[in-house]
PDB file of N, CA and C in Angstrom:
ATOM      1  N   UNK A   1     102.924 -53.805  92.062  1.00  0.00           N
ATOM      2  CA  UNK A   1     102.462 -52.561  92.621  1.00  0.00           C
ATOM      3  C   UNK A   1     101.080 -52.235  92.005  1.00  0.00           C
ATOM      4  N   UNK A   2     100.183 -51.715  92.837  1.00  0.00           N
ATOM      5  CA  UNK A   2      98.881 -51.417  92.351  1.00  0.00           C
ATOM      6  C   UNK A   2      98.635 -49.887  92.552  1.00  0.00           C
ATOM      7  N   UNK A   3      97.785 -49.322  91.731  1.00  0.00           N
ATOM      8  CA  UNK A   3      97.345 -47.951  91.906  1.00  0.00           C
ATOM      9  C   UNK A   3      96.269 -47.917  92.971  1.00  0.00           C
ATOM     10  N   UNK A   4      96.422 -46.960  93.887  1.00  0.00           N
ATOM     11  CA  UNK A   4      95.455 -46.849  94.977  1.00  0.00           C
ATOM     12  C   UNK A   4      94.143 -46.223  94.493  1.00  0.00           C
ATOM     13  N   UNK A   5      93.184 -46.098  95.409  1.00  0.00           N
ATOM     14  CA  UNK A   5      91.832 -45.584  95.138  1.00  0.00           C
ATOM     15  C   UNK A   5      91.920 -44.258  94.520  1.00  0.00           C
ATOM     16  N   UNK A   6      92.828 -43.380  94.985  1.00  0.00           N
ATOM     17  CA  UNK A   6      92.855 -42.004  94.479  1.00  0.00           C
ATOM     18  C   UNK A   6      93.901 -41.820  93.359  1.00  0.00           C
ATOM     19  N   UNK A   7      94.292 -42.914  92.733  1.00  0.00           N
ATOM     20  CA  UNK A   7      95.214 -42.839  91.593  1.00  0.00           C
ATOM     21  C   UNK A   7      96.690 -42.645  91.991  1.00  0.00           C
ATOM     22  N   UNK A   8      97.004 -42.975  93.237  1.00  0.00           N
ATOM     23  CA  UNK A   8      98.342 -42.792  93.671  1.00  0.00           C
ATOM     24  C   UNK A   8      99.207 -44.069  93.618  1.00  0.00           C
ATOM     25  N   UNK A   9     100.494 -43.912  93.399  1.00  0.00           N
ATOM     26  CA  UNK A   9     101.418 -45.046  93.458  1.00  0.00           C
ATOM     27  C   UNK A   9     102.591 -44.572  94.315  1.00  0.00           C
ATOM     28  N   UNK A  10     103.291 -45.557  94.876  1.00  0.00           N
ATOM     29  CA  UNK A  10     104.515 -45.283  95.670  1.00  0.00           C
ATOM     30  C   UNK A  10     105.669 -45.618  94.835  1.00  0.00           C
ATOM     31  N   UNK A  11     106.560 -44.626  94.613  1.00  0.00           N
ATOM     32  CA  UNK A  11     107.853 -44.872  93.904  1.00  0.00           C
ATOM     33  C   UNK A  11     108.840 -45.553  94.881  1.00  0.00           C
ATOM     34  N   UNK A  12     109.392 -46.638  94.492  1.00  0.00           N
ATOM     35  CA  UNK A  12     110.281 -47.395  95.415  1.00  0.00           C
ATOM     36  C   UNK A  12     111.417 -46.459  95.883  1.00  0.00           C
ATOM     37  N   UNK A  13     111.887 -46.651  97.083  1.00  0.00           N
ATOM     38  CA  UNK A  13     112.875 -45.761  97.749  1.00  0.00           C
ATOM     39  C   UNK A  13     114.199 -45.742  96.940  1.00  0.00           C
ATOM     40  N   UNK A  14     114.628 -46.842  96.470  1.00  0.00           N
ATOM     41  CA  UNK A  14     115.880 -46.890  95.736  1.00  0.00           C
ATOM     42  C   UNK A  14     115.820 -46.056  94.474  1.00  0.00           C
ATOM     43  N   UNK A  15     114.680 -45.999  93.838  1.00  0.00           N
ATOM     44  CA  UNK A  15     114.503 -45.139  92.659  1.00  0.00           C
ATOM     45  C   UNK A  15     114.431 -43.639  93.053  1.00  0.00           C
ATOM     46  N   UNK A  16     113.705 -43.403  94.132  1.00  0.00           N
ATOM     47  CA  UNK A  16     113.617 -42.005  94.624  1.00  0.00           C
ATOM     48  C   UNK A  16     114.963 -41.492  95.009  1.00  0.00           C
ATOM     49  N   UNK A  17     115.786 -42.292  95.651  1.00  0.00           N
ATOM     50  CA  UNK A  17     117.154 -41.914  96.052  1.00  0.00           C
ATOM     51  C   UNK A  17     118.021 -41.655  94.849  1.00  0.00           C
ATOM     52  N   UNK A  18     117.958 -42.644  93.910  1.00  0.00           N
ATOM     53  CA  UNK A  18     118.841 -42.540  92.636  1.00  0.00           C
ATOM     54  C   UNK A  18     118.570 -41.241  91.907  1.00  0.00           C
ATOM     55  N   UNK A  19     117.299 -40.818  91.813  1.00  0.00           N
ATOM     56  CA  UNK A  19     116.954 -39.665  90.964  1.00  0.00           C
ATOM     57  C   UNK A  19     116.641 -38.447  91.777  1.00  0.00           C
ATOM     58  N   UNK A  20     116.876 -38.438  93.073  1.00  0.00           N
ATOM     59  CA  UNK A  20     116.705 -37.247  93.905  1.00  0.00           C
ATOM     60  C   UNK A  20     115.281 -36.788  93.996  1.00  0.00           C
ATOM     61  N   UNK A  21     114.340 -37.757  94.111  1.00  0.00           N
ATOM     62  CA  UNK A  21     112.959 -37.433  94.237  1.00  0.00           C
ATOM     63  C   UNK A  21     112.554 -37.428  95.716  1.00  0.00           C
ATOM     64  N   UNK A  22     112.145 -36.202  96.202  1.00  0.00           N
ATOM     65  CA  UNK A  22     111.790 -36.104  97.560  1.00  0.00           C
ATOM     66  C   UNK A  22     110.393 -35.411  97.665  1.00  0.00           C
ATOM     67  N   UNK A  23     109.973 -35.158  98.845  1.00  0.00           N
ATOM     68  CA  UNK A  23     108.749 -34.424  99.032  1.00  0.00           C
ATOM     69  C   UNK A  23     108.786 -33.089  98.236  1.00  0.00           C
ATOM     70  N   UNK A  24     107.697 -32.736  97.691  1.00  0.00           N
ATOM     71  CA  UNK A  24     107.555 -31.472  96.905  1.00  0.00           C
ATOM     72  C   UNK A  24     108.327 -31.449  95.563  1.00  0.00           C
ATOM     73  N   UNK A  25     108.956 -32.495  95.158  1.00  0.00           N
ATOM     74  CA  UNK A  25     109.646 -32.572  93.892  1.00  0.00           C
ATOM     75  C   UNK A  25     108.627 -32.613  92.812  1.00  0.00           C
ATOM     76  N   UNK A  26     108.719 -31.705  91.859  1.00  0.00           N
ATOM     77  CA  UNK A  26     107.736 -31.749  90.717  1.00  0.00           C
ATOM     78  C   UNK A  26     108.157 -32.772  89.691  1.00  0.00           C
ATOM     79  N   UNK A  27     107.202 -33.453  89.211  1.00  0.00           N
ATOM     80  CA  UNK A  27     107.446 -34.514  88.191  1.00  0.00           C
ATOM     81  C   UNK A  27     106.408 -34.279  87.028  1.00  0.00           C
ATOM     82  N   UNK A  28     106.732 -34.793  85.921  1.00  0.00           N
ATOM     83  CA  UNK A  28     105.805 -34.683  84.835  1.00  0.00           C
ATOM     84  C   UNK A  28     105.611 -36.065  84.137  1.00  0.00           C
ATOM     85  N   UNK A  29     104.450 -36.304  83.546  1.00  0.00           N
ATOM     86  CA  UNK A  29     104.164 -37.514  82.926  1.00  0.00           C
ATOM     87  C   UNK A  29     104.100 -37.281  81.422  1.00  0.00           C
ATOM     88  N   UNK A  30     104.661 -38.228  80.609  1.00  0.00           N
ATOM     89  CA  UNK A  30     104.591 -38.126  79.205  1.00  0.00           C
ATOM     90  C   UNK A  30     104.153 -39.522  78.677  1.00  0.00           C
ATOM     91  N   UNK A  31     103.453 -39.498  77.522  1.00  0.00           N
ATOM     92  CA  UNK A  31     103.153 -40.774  76.874  1.00  0.00           C
ATOM     93  C   UNK A  31     104.146 -40.917  75.676  1.00  0.00           C
ATOM     94  N   UNK A  32     104.868 -41.985  75.708  1.00  0.00           N
ATOM     95  CA  UNK A  32     105.817 -42.313  74.664  1.00  0.00           C
ATOM     96  C   UNK A  32     105.425 -43.617  74.011  1.00  0.00           C
ATOM     97  N   UNK A  33     104.911 -43.564  72.834  1.00  0.00           N
ATOM     98  CA  UNK A  33     104.397 -44.769  72.165  1.00  0.00           C
ATOM     99  C   UNK A  33     103.304 -45.312  73.040  1.00  0.00           C
ATOM    100  N   UNK A  34     103.529 -46.529  73.586  1.00  0.00           N
ATOM    101  CA  UNK A  34     102.496 -47.179  74.417  1.00  0.00           C
ATOM    102  C   UNK A  34     102.879 -47.228  75.859  1.00  0.00           C
ATOM    103  N   UNK A  35     103.767 -46.313  76.280  1.00  0.00           N
ATOM    104  CA  UNK A  35     104.295 -46.349  77.625  1.00  0.00           C
ATOM    105  C   UNK A  35     104.030 -44.970  78.297  1.00  0.00           C
ATOM    106  N   UNK A  36     103.933 -44.963  79.611  1.00  0.00           N
ATOM    107  CA  UNK A  36     103.802 -43.719  80.436  1.00  0.00           C
ATOM    108  C   UNK A  36     105.237 -43.528  81.007  1.00  0.00           C
ATOM    109  N   UNK A  37     105.766 -42.321  80.849  1.00  0.00           N
ATOM    110  CA  UNK A  37     107.041 -42.016  81.369  1.00  0.00           C
ATOM    111  C   UNK A  37     106.909 -40.947  82.422  1.00  0.00           C
ATOM    112  N   UNK A  38     107.504 -41.201  83.601  1.00  0.00           N
ATOM    113  CA  UNK A  38     107.515 -40.220  84.678  1.00  0.00           C
ATOM    114  C   UNK A  38     108.919 -39.631  84.713  1.00  0.00           C
ATOM    115  N   UNK A  39     109.041 -38.338  84.752  1.00  0.00           N
ATOM    116  CA  UNK A  39     110.420 -37.794  84.888  1.00  0.00           C
ATOM    117  C   UNK A  39     110.356 -36.527  85.817  1.00  0.00           C
ATOM    118  N   UNK A  40     111.446 -36.354  86.391  1.00  0.00           N
ATOM    119  CA  UNK A  40     111.638 -35.141  87.274  1.00  0.00           C
ATOM    120  C   UNK A  40     111.514 -33.904  86.375  1.00  0.00           C
ATOM    121  N   UNK A  41     110.608 -32.994  86.775  1.00  0.00           N
ATOM    122  CA  UNK A  41     110.404 -31.774  85.972  1.00  0.00           C
ATOM    123  C   UNK A  41     111.683 -30.874  86.047  1.00  0.00           C
ATOM    124  N   UNK A  42     112.001 -30.280  84.885  1.00  0.00           N
ATOM    125  CA  UNK A  42     113.169 -29.395  84.901  1.00  0.00           C
ATOM    126  C   UNK A  42     112.925 -28.221  85.810  1.00  0.00           C
ATOM    127  N   UNK A  43     113.985 -27.831  86.452  1.00  0.00           N
ATOM    128  CA  UNK A  43     113.872 -26.623  87.402  1.00  0.00           C
ATOM    129  C   UNK A  43     113.710 -25.363  86.607  1.00  0.00           C
ATOM    130  N   UNK A  44     112.875 -24.555  87.073  1.00  0.00           N
ATOM    131  CA  UNK A  44     112.585 -23.231  86.418  1.00  0.00           C
ATOM    132  C   UNK A  44     113.491 -22.206  87.104  1.00  0.00           C
ATOM    133  N   UNK A  45     114.278 -21.511  86.325  1.00  0.00           N
ATOM    134  CA  UNK A  45     115.199 -20.488  86.893  1.00  0.00           C
ATOM    135  C   UNK A  45     114.392 -19.213  87.116  1.00  0.00           C
ATOM    136  N   UNK A  46     114.518 -18.673  88.306  1.00  0.00           N
ATOM    137  CA  UNK A  46     113.876 -17.428  88.608  1.00  0.00           C
ATOM    138  C   UNK A  46     114.962 -16.300  88.523  1.00  0.00           C
ATOM    139  N   UNK A  47     115.131 -15.869  87.300  1.00  0.00           N
ATOM    140  CA  UNK A  47     116.216 -14.920  87.038  1.00  0.00           C
ATOM    141  C   UNK A  47     115.949 -13.467  87.578  1.00  0.00           C
ATOM    142  N   UNK A  48     114.635 -13.246  87.887  1.00  0.00           N
ATOM    143  CA  UNK A  48     114.300 -11.892  88.351  1.00  0.00           C
ATOM    144  C   UNK A  48     115.038 -11.603  89.690  1.00  0.00           C
ATOM    145  N   UNK A  49     115.270 -12.598  90.473  1.00  0.00           N
ATOM    146  CA  UNK A  49     115.977 -12.382  91.760  1.00  0.00           C
ATOM    147  C   UNK A  49     117.363 -11.904  91.582  1.00  0.00           C
ATOM    148  N   UNK A  50     118.014 -12.163  90.445  1.00  0.00           N
ATOM    149  CA  UNK A  50     119.348 -11.782  90.158  1.00  0.00           C
ATOM    150  C   UNK A  50     119.488 -10.432  89.518  1.00  0.00           C
ATOM    151  N   UNK A  51     118.428  -9.856  89.079  1.00  0.00           N
ATOM    152  CA  UNK A  51     118.414  -8.568  88.386  1.00  0.00           C
ATOM    153  C   UNK A  51     119.089  -7.482  89.222  1.00  0.00           C
ATOM    154  N   UNK A  52     120.060  -6.851  88.598  1.00  0.00           N
ATOM    155  CA  UNK A  52     120.715  -5.740  89.297  1.00  0.00           C
ATOM    156  C   UNK A  52     121.837  -6.147  90.225  1.00  0.00           C
ATOM    157  N   UNK A  53     122.069  -7.386  90.443  1.00  0.00           N
ATOM    158  CA  UNK A  53     123.053  -7.851  91.450  1.00  0.00           C
ATOM    159  C   UNK A  53     124.520  -7.560  91.056  1.00  0.00           C
ATOM    160  N   UNK A  54     124.791  -7.528  89.738  1.00  0.00           N
ATOM    161  CA  UNK A  54     126.117  -7.343  89.266  1.00  0.00           C
ATOM    162  C   UNK A  54     126.446  -5.884  89.049  1.00  0.00           C
ATOM    163  N   UNK A  55     125.511  -4.981  89.289  1.00  0.00           N
ATOM    164  CA  UNK A  55     125.745  -3.557  89.032  1.00  0.00           C
ATOM    165  C   UNK A  55     126.995  -2.955  89.680  1.00  0.00           C
ATOM    166  N   UNK A  56     127.125  -3.318  90.970  1.00  0.00           N
ATOM    167  CA  UNK A  56     128.332  -2.757  91.729  1.00  0.00           C
ATOM    168  C   UNK A  56     129.676  -3.299  91.183  1.00  0.00           C
ATOM    169  N   UNK A  57     129.654  -4.664  90.868  1.00  0.00           N
ATOM    170  CA  UNK A  57     130.862  -5.235  90.328  1.00  0.00           C
ATOM    171  C   UNK A  57     131.266  -4.659  89.009  1.00  0.00           C
ATOM    172  N   UNK A  58     130.265  -4.436  88.172  1.00  0.00           N
ATOM    173  CA  UNK A  58     130.535  -3.833  86.834  1.00  0.00           C
ATOM    174  C   UNK A  58     130.994  -2.402  86.983  1.00  0.00           C
ATOM    175  N   UNK A  59     130.430  -1.677  87.975  1.00  0.00           N
ATOM    176  CA  UNK A  59     130.785  -0.289  88.230  1.00  0.00           C
ATOM    177  C   UNK A  59     132.275  -0.239  88.686  1.00  0.00           C
ATOM    178  N   UNK A  60     132.691  -1.217  89.486  1.00  0.00           N
ATOM    179  CA  UNK A  60     134.108  -1.270  89.941  1.00  0.00           C
ATOM    180  C   UNK A  60     135.022  -1.419  88.782  1.00  0.00           C
ATOM    181  N   UNK A  61     134.578  -2.061  87.745  1.00  0.00           N
ATOM    182  CA  UNK A  61     135.405  -2.327  86.570  1.00  0.00           C
ATOM    183  C   UNK A  61     135.268  -1.180  85.562  1.00  0.00           C
ATOM    184  N   UNK A  62     134.472  -0.189  85.932  1.00  0.00           N
ATOM    185  CA  UNK A  62     134.308   0.979  85.020  1.00  0.00           C
ATOM    186  C   UNK A  62     133.247   0.813  83.927  1.00  0.00           C
ATOM    187  N   UNK A  63     132.375  -0.164  84.107  1.00  0.00           N
ATOM    188  CA  UNK A  63     131.371  -0.393  83.109  1.00  0.00           C
ATOM    189  C   UNK A  63     129.985  -0.027  83.709  1.00  0.00           C
ATOM    190  N   UNK A  64     129.100   0.583  82.885  1.00  0.00           N
ATOM    191  CA  UNK A  64     127.799   0.959  83.366  1.00  0.00           C
ATOM    192  C   UNK A  64     126.769  -0.145  83.178  1.00  0.00           C
ATOM    193  N   UNK A  65     127.085  -1.211  82.343  1.00  0.00           N
ATOM    194  CA  UNK A  65     126.108  -2.304  82.110  1.00  0.00           C
ATOM    195  C   UNK A  65     126.854  -3.502  81.646  1.00  0.00           C
ATOM    196  N   UNK A  66     126.115  -4.596  81.654  1.00  0.00           N
ATOM    197  CA  UNK A  66     126.686  -5.832  81.138  1.00  0.00           C
ATOM    198  C   UNK A  66     127.026  -5.666  79.615  1.00  0.00           C
ATOM    199  N   UNK A  67     126.167  -5.037  78.888  1.00  0.00           N
ATOM    200  CA  UNK A  67     126.463  -4.803  77.525  1.00  0.00           C
ATOM    201  C   UNK A  67     127.754  -4.057  77.275  1.00  0.00           C
ATOM    202  N   UNK A  68     127.984  -3.032  78.116  1.00  0.00           N
ATOM    203  CA  UNK A  68     129.228  -2.272  77.956  1.00  0.00           C
ATOM    204  C   UNK A  68     130.407  -3.124  78.341  1.00  0.00           C
ATOM    205  N   UNK A  69     130.287  -3.977  79.340  1.00  0.00           N
ATOM    206  CA  UNK A  69     131.316  -4.882  79.726  1.00  0.00           C
ATOM    207  C   UNK A  69     131.701  -5.837  78.605  1.00  0.00           C
ATOM    208  N   UNK A  70     130.665  -6.451  77.985  1.00  0.00           N
ATOM    209  CA  UNK A  70     130.884  -7.391  76.918  1.00  0.00           C
ATOM    210  C   UNK A  70     131.594  -6.692  75.751  1.00  0.00           C
ATOM    211  N   UNK A  71     131.138  -5.464  75.370  1.00  0.00           N
ATOM    212  CA  UNK A  71     131.731  -4.751  74.336  1.00  0.00           C
ATOM    213  C   UNK A  71     133.212  -4.451  74.608  1.00  0.00           C
ATOM    214  N   UNK A  72     133.514  -4.132  75.919  1.00  0.00           N
ATOM    215  CA  UNK A  72     134.858  -3.851  76.406  1.00  0.00           C
ATOM    216  C   UNK A  72     135.796  -5.057  76.212  1.00  0.00           C
ATOM    217  N   UNK A  73     135.277  -6.230  76.706  1.00  0.00           N
ATOM    218  CA  UNK A  73     136.170  -7.453  76.604  1.00  0.00           C
ATOM    219  C   UNK A  73     136.334  -7.911  75.168  1.00  0.00           C
ATOM    220  N   UNK A  74     135.384  -7.558  74.346  1.00  0.00           N
ATOM    221  CA  UNK A  74     135.525  -7.914  72.918  1.00  0.00           C
ATOM    222  C   UNK A  74     136.406  -6.974  72.177  1.00  0.00           C
ATOM    223  N   UNK A  75     136.774  -5.830  72.837  1.00  0.00           N
ATOM    224  CA  UNK A  75     137.663  -4.891  72.234  1.00  0.00           C
ATOM    225  C   UNK A  75     136.999  -3.985  71.255  1.00  0.00           C
ATOM    226  N   UNK A  76     135.741  -3.720  71.413  1.00  0.00           N
ATOM    227  CA  UNK A  76     135.014  -2.855  70.529  1.00  0.00           C
ATOM    228  C   UNK A  76     134.931  -1.445  71.100  1.00  0.00           C
TER     229      UNK A  76
END
């Protein structure tokens, strides 16, 4: 396999399938000793979208917050 004019390479299909690499998959490169390692970048969790979603469920259980719920189940 050769690197193209713009520095691009094609990852073989069997490797893409095995590791779930598709279009728009973020990858990162690392240098390990004298080798270049390509790996799938870890997914970043967007926790902001979940903020406040459990409020109604906790209210049904009689708790005003997650902290209150945790204290309750710990018996404090």
